[in-house]
């Protein structure tokens, strides 16, 4: 009779789970509900920040992540638009970016353009999240072609989008 002995390794419950991407503005714990941002009036309710028409007068107040980023001037994404085409169609391109922002912000209060900087040869948009710059870059590339480069920072919550079209 053949007998085999198997050793079963027990799973450890004390292991350290590291974040894949570190976002210093992400809330570490749940906030008391409802909590209101005194700057933008976003409301933390049902476990997430959202837009609301009203909230109790005695609600706790704290800055939301987007307003904190704006206050600290610490963007999560930067979109750089370059080239003669950009300068010739500046208003059209900026309207596209602002329309995308309005669409995103309606559902996600943190998806905002925080600053627009117009330089002689480029336009730089800073955003409060990493999803909006990706959407802006993809929309510009799909509508006008050009060259699109995306650079995600490894280990941190930051995206740099570069879009160039000269002709």
C-alpha atoms as a PDB file:
ATOM      1  CA  UNK A   1       0.000   0.000   0.000  1.00  0.00           C
ATOM      2  CA  UNK A   2       1.441   3.354  -1.087  1.00  0.00           C
ATOM      3  CA  UNK A   3       0.843   6.312   1.191  1.00  0.00           C
ATOM      4  CA  UNK A   4       1.682   9.893   0.293  1.00  0.00           C
ATOM      5  CA  UNK A   5       1.820  12.771   2.668  1.00  0.00           C
ATOM      6  CA  UNK A   6       0.887  16.271   1.485  1.00  0.00           C
ATOM      7  CA  UNK A   7       1.741  19.410   3.333  1.00  0.00           C
ATOM      8  CA  UNK A   8      -0.798  22.173   2.949  1.00  0.00           C
ATOM      9  CA  UNK A   9       0.545  25.693   3.315  1.00  0.00           C
ATOM     10  CA  UNK A  10      -1.704  27.860   5.432  1.00  0.00           C
ATOM     11  CA  UNK A  11      -2.566  31.245   3.973  1.00  0.00           C
ATOM     12  CA  UNK A  12      -1.284  34.154   5.974  1.00  0.00           C
ATOM     13  CA  UNK A  13      -3.763  36.707   7.147  1.00  0.00           C
ATOM     14  CA  UNK A  14      -1.186  39.225   8.299  1.00  0.00           C
ATOM     15  CA  UNK A  15       0.290  40.055   4.901  1.00  0.00           C
ATOM     16  CA  UNK A  16       0.844  43.630   3.822  1.00  0.00           C
ATOM     17  CA  UNK A  17      -1.115  44.615   0.729  1.00  0.00           C
ATOM     18  CA  UNK A  18       0.542  47.470  -1.090  1.00  0.00           C
ATOM     19  CA  UNK A  19      -1.298  49.947  -3.247  1.00  0.00           C
ATOM     20  CA  UNK A  20      -0.657  49.517  -6.967  1.00  0.00           C
ATOM     21  CA  UNK A  21      -1.070  53.239  -7.592  1.00  0.00           C
ATOM     22  CA  UNK A  22      -0.617  55.765  -4.818  1.00  0.00           C
ATOM     23  CA  UNK A  23      -3.018  58.724  -4.844  1.00  0.00           C
ATOM     24  CA  UNK A  24      -2.282  61.087  -1.943  1.00  0.00           C
ATOM     25  CA  UNK A  25      -5.695  62.728  -2.334  1.00  0.00           C
ATOM     26  CA  UNK A  26      -7.747  59.554  -2.074  1.00  0.00           C
ATOM     27  CA  UNK A  27      -9.777  59.433   1.139  1.00  0.00           C
ATOM     28  CA  UNK A  28      -8.382  56.761   3.446  1.00  0.00           C
ATOM     29  CA  UNK A  29     -11.672  56.037   5.201  1.00  0.00           C
ATOM     30  CA  UNK A  30     -15.368  56.617   4.744  1.00  0.00           C
ATOM     31  CA  UNK A  31     -16.657  60.048   5.630  1.00  0.00           C
ATOM     32  CA  UNK A  32     -19.734  60.622   7.778  1.00  0.00           C
ATOM     33  CA  UNK A  33     -22.816  61.010   5.614  1.00  0.00           C
ATOM     34  CA  UNK A  34     -23.748  63.497   4.398  1.00  0.00           C
ATOM     35  CA  UNK A  35     -20.552  65.540   4.080  1.00  0.00           C
ATOM     36  CA  UNK A  36     -20.554  68.630   1.853  1.00  0.00           C
ATOM     37  CA  UNK A  37     -17.663  70.324   0.075  1.00  0.00           C
ATOM     38  CA  UNK A  38     -17.949  74.032   0.967  1.00  0.00           C
ATOM     39  CA  UNK A  39     -16.331  75.108  -2.334  1.00  0.00           C
ATOM     40  CA  UNK A  40     -18.163  73.116  -5.042  1.00  0.00           C
ATOM     41  CA  UNK A  41     -21.144  71.780  -3.013  1.00  0.00           C
ATOM     42  CA  UNK A  42     -20.501  68.149  -3.953  1.00  0.00           C
ATOM     43  CA  UNK A  43     -22.082  65.829  -1.379  1.00  0.00           C
ATOM     44  CA  UNK A  44     -20.613  62.612   0.031  1.00  0.00           C
ATOM     45  CA  UNK A  45     -23.602  60.287   0.207  1.00  0.00           C
ATOM     46  CA  UNK A  46     -24.113  56.539  -0.294  1.00  0.00           C
ATOM     47  CA  UNK A  47     -20.358  55.979  -0.055  1.00  0.00           C
ATOM     48  CA  UNK A  48     -19.312  58.357  -2.850  1.00  0.00           C
ATOM     49  CA  UNK A  49     -19.119  62.023  -3.825  1.00  0.00           C
ATOM     50  CA  UNK A  50     -21.985  63.169  -6.031  1.00  0.00           C
ATOM     51  CA  UNK A  51     -23.956  66.236  -7.017  1.00  0.00           C
ATOM     52  CA  UNK A  52     -27.140  66.871  -5.038  1.00  0.00           C
ATOM     53  CA  UNK A  53     -29.814  69.555  -5.080  1.00  0.00           C
ATOM     54  CA  UNK A  54     -30.045  69.720  -1.306  1.00  0.00           C
ATOM     55  CA  UNK A  55     -28.493  68.430   1.907  1.00  0.00           C
ATOM     56  CA  UNK A  56     -29.162  68.825   5.626  1.00  0.00           C
ATOM     57  CA  UNK A  57     -28.065  72.150   7.121  1.00  0.00           C
ATOM     58  CA  UNK A  58     -26.087  70.379   9.858  1.00  0.00           C
ATOM     59  CA  UNK A  59     -23.971  68.368   7.366  1.00  0.00           C
ATOM     60  CA  UNK A  60     -20.284  68.040   8.072  1.00  0.00           C
ATOM     61  CA  UNK A  61     -18.088  70.094   5.724  1.00  0.00           C
ATOM     62  CA  UNK A  62     -14.749  69.101   4.203  1.00  0.00           C
ATOM     63  CA  UNK A  63     -12.963  69.817   0.940  1.00  0.00           C
ATOM     64  CA  UNK A  64     -13.503  67.156  -1.704  1.00  0.00           C
ATOM     65  CA  UNK A  65     -10.455  65.680  -3.416  1.00  0.00           C
ATOM     66  CA  UNK A  66     -10.847  67.822  -6.544  1.00  0.00           C
ATOM     67  CA  UNK A  67     -11.128  71.095  -4.611  1.00  0.00           C
ATOM     68  CA  UNK A  68      -8.142  70.094  -2.475  1.00  0.00           C
ATOM     69  CA  UNK A  69      -6.084  69.440  -5.615  1.00  0.00           C
ATOM     70  CA  UNK A  70      -7.121  72.831  -7.029  1.00  0.00           C
ATOM     71  CA  UNK A  71      -6.241  74.555  -3.755  1.00  0.00           C
ATOM     72  CA  UNK A  72      -2.830  72.837  -3.674  1.00  0.00           C
ATOM     73  CA  UNK A  73      -2.296  73.353  -7.438  1.00  0.00           C
ATOM     74  CA  UNK A  74      -1.443  69.634  -7.685  1.00  0.00           C
ATOM     75  CA  UNK A  75      -2.947  68.199 -10.898  1.00  0.00           C
ATOM     76  CA  UNK A  76      -3.508  64.500 -11.544  1.00  0.00           C
ATOM     77  CA  UNK A  77      -3.323  65.015 -15.305  1.00  0.00           C
ATOM     78  CA  UNK A  78      -1.806  67.465 -17.758  1.00  0.00           C
ATOM     79  CA  UNK A  79      -2.840  67.813 -21.412  1.00  0.00           C
ATOM     80  CA  UNK A  80      -0.397  69.694 -23.652  1.00  0.00           C
ATOM     81  CA  UNK A  81      -1.680  70.734 -27.078  1.00  0.00           C
ATOM     82  CA  UNK A  82       0.911  71.900 -29.634  1.00  0.00           C
ATOM     83  CA  UNK A  83       1.210  72.842 -33.277  1.00  0.00           C
ATOM     84  CA  UNK A  84       0.011  75.369 -35.835  1.00  0.00           C
ATOM     85  CA  UNK A  85      -3.320  73.544 -36.127  1.00  0.00           C
ATOM     86  CA  UNK A  86      -3.937  74.010 -32.391  1.00  0.00           C
ATOM     87  CA  UNK A  87      -3.226  77.735 -32.544  1.00  0.00           C
ATOM     88  CA  UNK A  88      -5.440  78.196 -35.633  1.00  0.00           C
ATOM     89  CA  UNK A  89      -8.399  76.316 -34.101  1.00  0.00           C
ATOM     90  CA  UNK A  90      -7.854  77.190 -30.458  1.00  0.00           C
ATOM     91  CA  UNK A  91     -11.496  78.002 -29.616  1.00  0.00           C
ATOM     92  CA  UNK A  92     -12.837  74.889 -31.352  1.00  0.00           C
ATOM     93  CA  UNK A  93     -10.354  72.631 -29.536  1.00  0.00           C
ATOM     94  CA  UNK A  94     -10.962  74.277 -26.147  1.00  0.00           C
ATOM     95  CA  UNK A  95     -14.741  73.972 -26.650  1.00  0.00           C
ATOM     96  CA  UNK A  96     -14.284  70.241 -27.287  1.00  0.00           C
ATOM     97  CA  UNK A  97     -12.254  69.905 -24.073  1.00  0.00           C
ATOM     98  CA  UNK A  98     -14.794  71.895 -22.018  1.00  0.00           C
ATOM     99  CA  UNK A  99     -17.730  69.898 -23.444  1.00  0.00           C
ATOM    100  CA  UNK A 100     -16.001  66.656 -22.438  1.00  0.00           C
ATOM    101  CA  UNK A 101     -15.374  68.111 -18.994  1.00  0.00           C
ATOM    102  CA  UNK A 102     -19.066  69.028 -18.612  1.00  0.00           C
ATOM    103  CA  UNK A 103     -20.089  65.481 -19.617  1.00  0.00           C
ATOM    104  CA  UNK A 104     -17.657  63.863 -17.183  1.00  0.00           C
ATOM    105  CA  UNK A 105     -18.311  66.289 -14.333  1.00  0.00           C
ATOM    106  CA  UNK A 106     -22.069  65.696 -14.481  1.00  0.00           C
ATOM    107  CA  UNK A 107     -21.518  62.114 -13.301  1.00  0.00           C
ATOM    108  CA  UNK A 108     -18.117  62.357 -11.587  1.00  0.00           C
ATOM    109  CA  UNK A 109     -17.542  65.487  -9.452  1.00  0.00           C
ATOM    110  CA  UNK A 110     -13.753  64.953  -9.442  1.00  0.00           C
ATOM    111  CA  UNK A 111     -13.324  65.079 -13.224  1.00  0.00           C
ATOM    112  CA  UNK A 112     -12.525  68.758 -13.772  1.00  0.00           C
ATOM    113  CA  UNK A 113     -10.222  71.048 -15.681  1.00  0.00           C
ATOM    114  CA  UNK A 114      -8.510  73.002 -12.951  1.00  0.00           C
ATOM    115  CA  UNK A 115      -6.390  75.381 -15.011  1.00  0.00           C
ATOM    116  CA  UNK A 116      -5.864  76.485 -18.622  1.00  0.00           C
ATOM    117  CA  UNK A 117      -2.548  78.032 -19.591  1.00  0.00           C
ATOM    118  CA  UNK A 118      -2.085  79.552 -23.053  1.00  0.00           C
ATOM    119  CA  UNK A 119       1.536  79.805 -24.128  1.00  0.00           C
ATOM    120  CA  UNK A 120       2.797  81.233 -27.454  1.00  0.00           C
ATOM    121  CA  UNK A 121       3.192  77.772 -29.024  1.00  0.00           C
ATOM    122  CA  UNK A 122       0.926  75.550 -26.905  1.00  0.00           C
ATOM    123  CA  UNK A 123      -2.051  75.215 -24.603  1.00  0.00           C
ATOM    124  CA  UNK A 124      -1.730  73.336 -21.310  1.00  0.00           C
ATOM    125  CA  UNK A 125      -4.778  72.006 -19.431  1.00  0.00           C
ATOM    126  CA  UNK A 126      -4.375  70.708 -15.873  1.00  0.00           C
ATOM    127  CA  UNK A 127      -7.004  68.298 -14.549  1.00  0.00           C
ATOM    128  CA  UNK A 128      -8.043  66.906 -11.181  1.00  0.00           C
ATOM    129  CA  UNK A 129      -8.120  63.262 -12.335  1.00  0.00           C
ATOM    130  CA  UNK A 130      -6.480  60.928 -14.861  1.00  0.00           C
ATOM    131  CA  UNK A 131      -9.597  59.946 -16.826  1.00  0.00           C
ATOM    132  CA  UNK A 132     -10.499  63.339 -18.284  1.00  0.00           C
ATOM    133  CA  UNK A 133      -7.092  63.986 -19.925  1.00  0.00           C
ATOM    134  CA  UNK A 134      -7.236  60.562 -21.556  1.00  0.00           C
ATOM    135  CA  UNK A 135     -10.712  61.321 -22.900  1.00  0.00           C
ATOM    136  CA  UNK A 136      -9.615  64.727 -24.214  1.00  0.00           C
ATOM    137  CA  UNK A 137      -6.553  63.239 -25.923  1.00  0.00           C
ATOM    138  CA  UNK A 138      -8.560  60.411 -27.502  1.00  0.00           C
ATOM    139  CA  UNK A 139     -11.284  62.807 -28.700  1.00  0.00           C
ATOM    140  CA  UNK A 140      -8.757  65.158 -30.315  1.00  0.00           C
ATOM    141  CA  UNK A 141      -6.948  62.266 -31.965  1.00  0.00           C
ATOM    142  CA  UNK A 142     -10.197  60.772 -33.276  1.00  0.00           C
ATOM    143  CA  UNK A 143     -11.524  64.110 -34.563  1.00  0.00           C
ATOM    144  CA  UNK A 144      -8.359  65.685 -35.979  1.00  0.00           C
ATOM    145  CA  UNK A 145      -5.759  62.882 -36.123  1.00  0.00           C
ATOM    146  CA  UNK A 146      -2.319  64.261 -35.220  1.00  0.00           C
ATOM    147  CA  UNK A 147       0.130  62.596 -32.858  1.00  0.00           C
ATOM    148  CA  UNK A 148      -1.055  61.466 -29.409  1.00  0.00           C
ATOM    149  CA  UNK A 149       1.308  60.396 -26.628  1.00  0.00           C
ATOM    150  CA  UNK A 150       0.180  59.185 -23.195  1.00  0.00           C
ATOM    151  CA  UNK A 151       2.587  58.870 -20.271  1.00  0.00           C
ATOM    152  CA  UNK A 152       1.349  57.340 -17.019  1.00  0.00           C
ATOM    153  CA  UNK A 153       3.611  57.826 -14.021  1.00  0.00           C
ATOM    154  CA  UNK A 154       4.436  54.476 -12.503  1.00  0.00           C
ATOM    155  CA  UNK A 155       3.402  54.169  -8.887  1.00  0.00           C
ATOM    156  CA  UNK A 156       1.567  57.477  -8.718  1.00  0.00           C
ATOM    157  CA  UNK A 157      -1.734  58.843  -9.899  1.00  0.00           C
ATOM    158  CA  UNK A 158      -0.595  61.097 -12.761  1.00  0.00           C
ATOM    159  CA  UNK A 159      -1.102  61.149 -16.541  1.00  0.00           C
ATOM    160  CA  UNK A 160       0.642  63.382 -19.069  1.00  0.00           C
ATOM    161  CA  UNK A 161      -1.062  63.661 -22.476  1.00  0.00           C
ATOM    162  CA  UNK A 162       0.699  65.317 -25.423  1.00  0.00           C
ATOM    163  CA  UNK A 163      -1.185  65.984 -28.654  1.00  0.00           C
ATOM    164  CA  UNK A 164       0.523  67.602 -31.639  1.00  0.00           C
ATOM    165  CA  UNK A 165      -0.757  68.562 -35.063  1.00  0.00           C
ATOM    166  CA  UNK A 166       1.077  70.998 -37.299  1.00  0.00           C
ATOM    167  CA  UNK A 167      -0.888  71.068 -40.535  1.00  0.00           C
END
